[in-house]
Amino acid sequence: MSGQRLFYCSRCGGELVTMAGKIARLKCTRCRKVAYENPIVGVAGMVFDPKGRILMVRRGRGATCAGLWCIPCGYVEYEEDVRAAAVRELQEETGLSVRTAQVFAVHSNFHDPAQHTVGIWFLCDVLSGQVRPGDDADRAEWFSPEDPPPLAFPTDKLVLGEWTEKAKKSKPRREQH
């Protein structure tokens, strides 16, 4: 982690100090409230075409990691269901209306020292729409999971590797005679 980011209590304004223990936590010197710093939850939607290519978006100007590619993703809003967030993010970034199928992967993301996140990658089925970039994406294209473009996030590389490994294991082997 990048060091202490909170210095004053959100309840009373007292100074926060690090408590000793197995996990370092901040505690208010005045009211004794623990200041928890929890990760933000992000979601990503994995959509594949009939050729087995995955839909990816290039992050546009002003977005984190602009010019690099990722699986369409975003943060879960407060009081929003994780599946609804994945559907919303796919719609905003690709123009596609989807439904979430199953969870493919869940990983902790430590690529941004200022913010720890937990990502949930959903397999999604397309219901309707035409692929078009939107929101903070300036391009949307199909790529082989084995040969992705330059990626914005290390965990997308991890997830694509897991997908490729799973695909290799599920292909039937030809018998040798």
C-alpha atoms as a PDB file:
ATOM      1  CA  MET A   1       0.000   0.000   0.000  1.00  0.00           C
ATOM      2  CA  SER A   2       1.057   3.593  -0.443  1.00  0.00           C
ATOM      3  CA  GLY A   3       0.816   4.688   3.187  1.00  0.00           C
ATOM      4  CA  GLN A   4      -1.840   6.329   5.281  1.00  0.00           C
ATOM      5  CA  ARG A   5      -4.537   8.109   3.243  1.00  0.00           C
ATOM      6  CA  LEU A   6      -6.957   9.096   6.021  1.00  0.00           C
ATOM      7  CA  PHE A   7      -5.916  11.411   8.842  1.00  0.00           C
ATOM      8  CA  TYR A   8      -9.112  12.582  10.574  1.00  0.00           C
ATOM      9  CA  CYS A   9     -12.200  10.766  11.867  1.00  0.00           C
ATOM     10  CA  SER A  10     -15.329  11.029   9.711  1.00  0.00           C
ATOM     11  CA  ARG A  11     -17.492  10.948  12.872  1.00  0.00           C
ATOM     12  CA  CYS A  12     -15.866  13.518  15.187  1.00  0.00           C
ATOM     13  CA  GLY A  13     -12.852  14.964  13.370  1.00  0.00           C
ATOM     14  CA  GLY A  14     -10.334  13.483  15.817  1.00  0.00           C
ATOM     15  CA  GLU A  15      -6.880  12.406  14.701  1.00  0.00           C
ATOM     16  CA  LEU A  16      -6.504   8.871  13.343  1.00  0.00           C
ATOM     17  CA  VAL A  17      -3.602   6.712  14.515  1.00  0.00           C
ATOM     18  CA  THR A  18      -2.506   3.259  13.441  1.00  0.00           C
ATOM     19  CA  MET A  19      -3.539   0.494  15.840  1.00  0.00           C
ATOM     20  CA  ALA A  20      -1.107  -2.309  16.488  1.00  0.00           C
ATOM     21  CA  GLY A  21      -2.263  -5.751  15.406  1.00  0.00           C
ATOM     22  CA  LYS A  22      -2.210  -8.378  12.710  1.00  0.00           C
ATOM     23  CA  ILE A  23      -3.829  -5.946  10.245  1.00  0.00           C
ATOM     24  CA  ALA A  24      -2.937  -2.268  10.610  1.00  0.00           C
ATOM     25  CA  ARG A  25      -6.113  -0.241  11.080  1.00  0.00           C
ATOM     26  CA  LEU A  26      -6.703   3.395  11.829  1.00  0.00           C
ATOM     27  CA  LYS A  27      -8.504   4.381  15.022  1.00  0.00           C
ATOM     28  CA  CYS A  28      -9.731   7.766  16.225  1.00  0.00           C
ATOM     29  CA  THR A  29      -7.862   9.149  19.244  1.00  0.00           C
ATOM     30  CA  ARG A  30     -11.018  10.949  20.419  1.00  0.00           C
ATOM     31  CA  CYS A  31     -14.100   8.720  19.867  1.00  0.00           C
ATOM     32  CA  ARG A  32     -12.199   5.413  19.309  1.00  0.00           C
ATOM     33  CA  LYS A  33     -14.053   4.649  16.025  1.00  0.00           C
ATOM     34  CA  VAL A  34     -12.096   2.392  13.647  1.00  0.00           C
ATOM     35  CA  ALA A  35     -11.690   3.928  10.184  1.00  0.00           C
ATOM     36  CA  TYR A  36     -11.969   0.976   7.801  1.00  0.00           C
ATOM     37  CA  GLU A  37     -10.531   1.321   4.308  1.00  0.00           C
ATOM     38  CA  ASN A  38     -12.340  -1.274   2.227  1.00  0.00           C
ATOM     39  CA  PRO A  39     -11.724  -2.066  -1.435  1.00  0.00           C
ATOM     40  CA  ILE A  40     -14.021  -0.756  -4.141  1.00  0.00           C
ATOM     41  CA  VAL A  41     -15.863  -3.408  -6.177  1.00  0.00           C
ATOM     42  CA  GLY A  42     -15.543  -3.379  -9.934  1.00  0.00           C
ATOM     43  CA  VAL A  43     -17.262  -5.531 -12.535  1.00  0.00           C
ATOM     44  CA  ALA A  44     -16.316  -6.574 -16.059  1.00  0.00           C
ATOM     45  CA  GLY A  45     -18.366  -8.224 -18.775  1.00  0.00           C
ATOM     46  CA  MET A  46     -16.864 -10.872 -21.045  1.00  0.00           C
ATOM     47  CA  VAL A  47     -18.642 -11.106 -24.408  1.00  0.00           C
ATOM     48  CA  PHE A  48     -17.441 -13.502 -27.116  1.00  0.00           C
ATOM     49  CA  ASP A  49     -18.334 -13.651 -30.789  1.00  0.00           C
ATOM     50  CA  PRO A  50     -18.938 -16.929 -32.713  1.00  0.00           C
ATOM     51  CA  LYS A  51     -15.230 -17.032 -33.651  1.00  0.00           C
ATOM     52  CA  GLY A  52     -14.247 -17.076 -29.960  1.00  0.00           C
ATOM     53  CA  ARG A  53     -12.955 -13.505 -29.941  1.00  0.00           C
ATOM     54  CA  ILE A  54     -13.561 -11.310 -26.899  1.00  0.00           C
ATOM     55  CA  LEU A  55     -14.934  -7.785 -27.088  1.00  0.00           C
ATOM     56  CA  MET A  56     -12.536  -5.212 -25.656  1.00  0.00           C
ATOM     57  CA  VAL A  57     -12.591  -1.430 -25.393  1.00  0.00           C
ATOM     58  CA  ARG A  58      -9.822   1.115 -25.662  1.00  0.00           C
ATOM     59  CA  ARG A  59      -9.835   3.628 -22.855  1.00  0.00           C
ATOM     60  CA  GLY A  60     -10.373   7.136 -24.192  1.00  0.00           C
ATOM     61  CA  ARG A  61      -8.822  10.488 -23.392  1.00  0.00           C
ATOM     62  CA  GLY A  62      -9.309  11.400 -19.757  1.00  0.00           C
ATOM     63  CA  ALA A  63      -9.818   7.799 -18.629  1.00  0.00           C
ATOM     64  CA  THR A  64      -7.322   5.981 -16.430  1.00  0.00           C
ATOM     65  CA  CYS A  65      -4.773   4.257 -18.701  1.00  0.00           C
ATOM     66  CA  ALA A  66      -5.973   6.136 -21.796  1.00  0.00           C
ATOM     67  CA  GLY A  67      -4.980   4.458 -25.065  1.00  0.00           C
ATOM     68  CA  LEU A  68      -4.789   0.986 -23.542  1.00  0.00           C
ATOM     69  CA  TRP A  69      -7.373  -1.786 -23.856  1.00  0.00           C
ATOM     70  CA  CYS A  70      -9.496  -3.663 -21.326  1.00  0.00           C
ATOM     71  CA  ILE A  71     -12.442  -5.946 -20.932  1.00  0.00           C
ATOM     72  CA  PRO A  72     -15.424  -3.562 -20.567  1.00  0.00           C
ATOM     73  CA  CYS A  73     -15.585  -2.693 -16.891  1.00  0.00           C
ATOM     74  CA  GLY A  74     -16.465  -0.181 -14.213  1.00  0.00           C
ATOM     75  CA  TYR A  75     -17.352   0.335 -10.584  1.00  0.00           C
ATOM     76  CA  VAL A  76     -20.455  -0.856  -8.779  1.00  0.00           C
ATOM     77  CA  GLU A  77     -22.520   2.129  -7.625  1.00  0.00           C
ATOM     78  CA  TYR A  78     -23.766   2.371  -4.048  1.00  0.00           C
ATOM     79  CA  GLU A  79     -26.913   0.214  -3.612  1.00  0.00           C
ATOM     80  CA  GLU A  80     -26.442  -1.324  -7.097  1.00  0.00           C
ATOM     81  CA  ASP A  81     -26.426  -5.097  -7.598  1.00  0.00           C
ATOM     82  CA  VAL A  82     -23.146  -6.403  -9.057  1.00  0.00           C
ATOM     83  CA  ARG A  83     -24.921  -8.075 -11.993  1.00  0.00           C
ATOM     84  CA  ALA A  84     -26.887  -4.914 -12.764  1.00  0.00           C
ATOM     85  CA  ALA A  85     -23.604  -2.970 -12.674  1.00  0.00           C
ATOM     86  CA  ALA A  86     -22.021  -5.346 -15.222  1.00  0.00           C
ATOM     87  CA  VAL A  87     -25.052  -4.966 -17.537  1.00  0.00           C
ATOM     88  CA  ARG A  88     -24.930  -1.162 -17.172  1.00  0.00           C
ATOM     89  CA  GLU A  89     -21.183  -0.938 -17.816  1.00  0.00           C
ATOM     90  CA  LEU A  90     -21.412  -3.119 -20.949  1.00  0.00           C
ATOM     91  CA  GLN A  91     -24.250  -0.960 -22.281  1.00  0.00           C
ATOM     92  CA  GLU A  92     -22.372   2.280 -21.562  1.00  0.00           C
ATOM     93  CA  GLU A  93     -19.042   1.180 -23.036  1.00  0.00           C
ATOM     94  CA  THR A  94     -20.099  -1.034 -25.971  1.00  0.00           C
ATOM     95  CA  GLY A  95     -23.721  -0.222 -26.856  1.00  0.00           C
ATOM     96  CA  LEU A  96     -24.753  -3.840 -26.260  1.00  0.00           C
ATOM     97  CA  SER A  97     -27.647  -4.962 -24.127  1.00  0.00           C
ATOM     98  CA  VAL A  98     -26.558  -8.095 -22.258  1.00  0.00           C
ATOM     99  CA  ARG A  99     -27.526 -10.433 -19.465  1.00  0.00           C
ATOM    100  CA  THR A 100     -24.972 -11.846 -17.095  1.00  0.00           C
ATOM    101  CA  ALA A 101     -24.521 -15.602 -17.179  1.00  0.00           C
ATOM    102  CA  GLN A 102     -21.990 -16.877 -14.665  1.00  0.00           C
ATOM    103  CA  VAL A 103     -19.085 -15.440 -12.747  1.00  0.00           C
ATOM    104  CA  PHE A 104     -15.881 -16.392 -14.538  1.00  0.00           C
ATOM    105  CA  ALA A 105     -13.303 -14.907 -12.164  1.00  0.00           C
ATOM    106  CA  VAL A 106     -12.868 -12.834  -9.025  1.00  0.00           C
ATOM    107  CA  HIS A 107      -9.538 -11.159  -8.262  1.00  0.00           C
ATOM    108  CA  SER A 108      -8.018  -8.487  -6.069  1.00  0.00           C
ATOM    109  CA  ASN A 109      -6.539  -5.619  -8.064  1.00  0.00           C
ATOM    110  CA  PHE A 110      -3.446  -3.949  -6.664  1.00  0.00           C
ATOM    111  CA  HIS A 111      -2.359  -2.070  -9.813  1.00  0.00           C
ATOM    112  CA  ASP A 112      -3.373   1.335  -8.413  1.00  0.00           C
ATOM    113  CA  PRO A 113      -1.507   2.018  -5.142  1.00  0.00           C
ATOM    114  CA  ALA A 114      -4.072   4.685  -4.237  1.00  0.00           C
ATOM    115  CA  GLN A 115      -7.065   2.319  -4.484  1.00  0.00           C
ATOM    116  CA  HIS A 116      -7.385  -1.405  -3.810  1.00  0.00           C
ATOM    117  CA  THR A 117     -10.247  -2.924  -5.801  1.00  0.00           C
ATOM    118  CA  VAL A 118     -11.907  -6.315  -6.130  1.00  0.00           C
ATOM    119  CA  GLY A 119     -12.989  -7.249  -9.640  1.00  0.00           C
ATOM    120  CA  ILE A 120     -15.706  -9.668 -10.714  1.00  0.00           C
ATOM    121  CA  TRP A 121     -15.582 -10.863 -14.344  1.00  0.00           C
ATOM    122  CA  PHE A 122     -18.946 -12.088 -15.665  1.00  0.00           C
ATOM    123  CA  LEU A 123     -19.587 -14.116 -18.796  1.00  0.00           C
ATOM    124  CA  CYS A 124     -22.375 -12.283 -20.637  1.00  0.00           C
ATOM    125  CA  ASP A 125     -24.886 -13.135 -23.351  1.00  0.00           C
ATOM    126  CA  VAL A 126     -25.783 -10.443 -25.896  1.00  0.00           C
ATOM    127  CA  LEU A 127     -29.493  -9.666 -26.089  1.00  0.00           C
ATOM    128  CA  SER A 128     -29.414  -6.820 -28.621  1.00  0.00           C
ATOM    129  CA  GLY A 129     -27.525  -3.797 -29.907  1.00  0.00           C
ATOM    130  CA  GLN A 130     -24.658  -2.921 -32.198  1.00  0.00           C
ATOM    131  CA  VAL A 131     -21.082  -2.623 -30.997  1.00  0.00           C
ATOM    132  CA  ARG A 132     -20.134   1.032 -30.648  1.00  0.00           C
ATOM    133  CA  PRO A 133     -17.756   2.622 -28.151  1.00  0.00           C
ATOM    134  CA  GLY A 134     -19.220   4.914 -25.541  1.00  0.00           C
ATOM    135  CA  ASP A 135     -18.714   6.465 -22.102  1.00  0.00           C
ATOM    136  CA  ASP A 136     -14.954   6.470 -21.431  1.00  0.00           C
ATOM    137  CA  ALA A 137     -14.120   4.120 -24.349  1.00  0.00           C
ATOM    138  CA  ASP A 138     -13.104   5.467 -27.749  1.00  0.00           C
ATOM    139  CA  ARG A 139     -12.910   2.112 -29.577  1.00  0.00           C
ATOM    140  CA  ALA A 140     -14.539  -1.310 -29.239  1.00  0.00           C
ATOM    141  CA  GLU A 141     -13.131  -4.294 -31.133  1.00  0.00           C
ATOM    142  CA  TRP A 142     -12.923  -8.088 -31.065  1.00  0.00           C
ATOM    143  CA  PHE A 143      -9.618  -9.791 -30.203  1.00  0.00           C
ATOM    144  CA  SER A 144      -8.334 -13.306 -29.727  1.00  0.00           C
ATOM    145  CA  PRO A 145      -8.025 -13.905 -25.969  1.00  0.00           C
ATOM    146  CA  GLU A 146      -4.612 -15.441 -26.730  1.00  0.00           C
ATOM    147  CA  ASP A 147      -3.377 -12.312 -28.514  1.00  0.00           C
ATOM    148  CA  PRO A 148      -4.863  -9.238 -26.831  1.00  0.00           C
ATOM    149  CA  PRO A 149      -3.863  -5.635 -27.594  1.00  0.00           C
ATOM    150  CA  PRO A 150      -1.805  -3.644 -25.041  1.00  0.00           C
ATOM    151  CA  LEU A 151      -3.789  -3.985 -21.806  1.00  0.00           C
ATOM    152  CA  ALA A 152      -4.613  -1.333 -19.229  1.00  0.00           C
ATOM    153  CA  PHE A 153      -4.950  -3.695 -16.267  1.00  0.00           C
ATOM    154  CA  PRO A 154      -2.760  -6.639 -15.189  1.00  0.00           C
ATOM    155  CA  THR A 155      -5.778  -8.559 -13.942  1.00  0.00           C
ATOM    156  CA  ASP A 156      -7.332  -8.552 -17.435  1.00  0.00           C
ATOM    157  CA  LYS A 157      -4.162 -10.301 -18.634  1.00  0.00           C
ATOM    158  CA  LEU A 158      -4.582 -12.821 -15.811  1.00  0.00           C
ATOM    159  CA  VAL A 159      -8.258 -13.424 -16.671  1.00  0.00           C
ATOM    160  CA  LEU A 160      -7.531 -13.822 -20.396  1.00  0.00           C
ATOM    161  CA  GLY A 161      -4.832 -16.352 -19.501  1.00  0.00           C
ATOM    162  CA  GLU A 162      -7.292 -18.261 -17.338  1.00  0.00           C
ATOM    163  CA  TRP A 163      -9.819 -18.243 -20.194  1.00  0.00           C
ATOM    164  CA  THR A 164      -7.206 -19.526 -22.646  1.00  0.00           C
ATOM    165  CA  GLU A 165      -6.133 -22.319 -20.263  1.00  0.00           C
ATOM    166  CA  LYS A 166      -9.736 -23.344 -19.680  1.00  0.00           C
ATOM    167  CA  ALA A 167     -10.388 -23.390 -23.440  1.00  0.00           C
ATOM    168  CA  LYS A 168      -7.324 -25.593 -24.044  1.00  0.00           C
ATOM    169  CA  LYS A 169      -8.465 -28.093 -21.413  1.00  0.00           C
ATOM    170  CA  SER A 170     -12.010 -28.279 -22.768  1.00  0.00           C
ATOM    171  CA  LYS A 171     -11.038 -28.985 -26.401  1.00  0.00           C
ATOM    172  CA  PRO A 172     -11.444 -32.672 -27.233  1.00  0.00           C
ATOM    173  CA  ARG A 173      -8.202 -34.411 -28.068  1.00  0.00           C
ATOM    174  CA  ARG A 174      -7.880 -36.339 -31.308  1.00  0.00           C
ATOM    175  CA  GLU A 175      -6.916 -39.945 -30.787  1.00  0.00           C
ATOM    176  CA  GLN A 176      -3.625 -41.030 -32.272  1.00  0.00           C
ATOM    177  CA  HIS A 177      -3.656 -44.277 -34.339  1.00  0.00           C
END
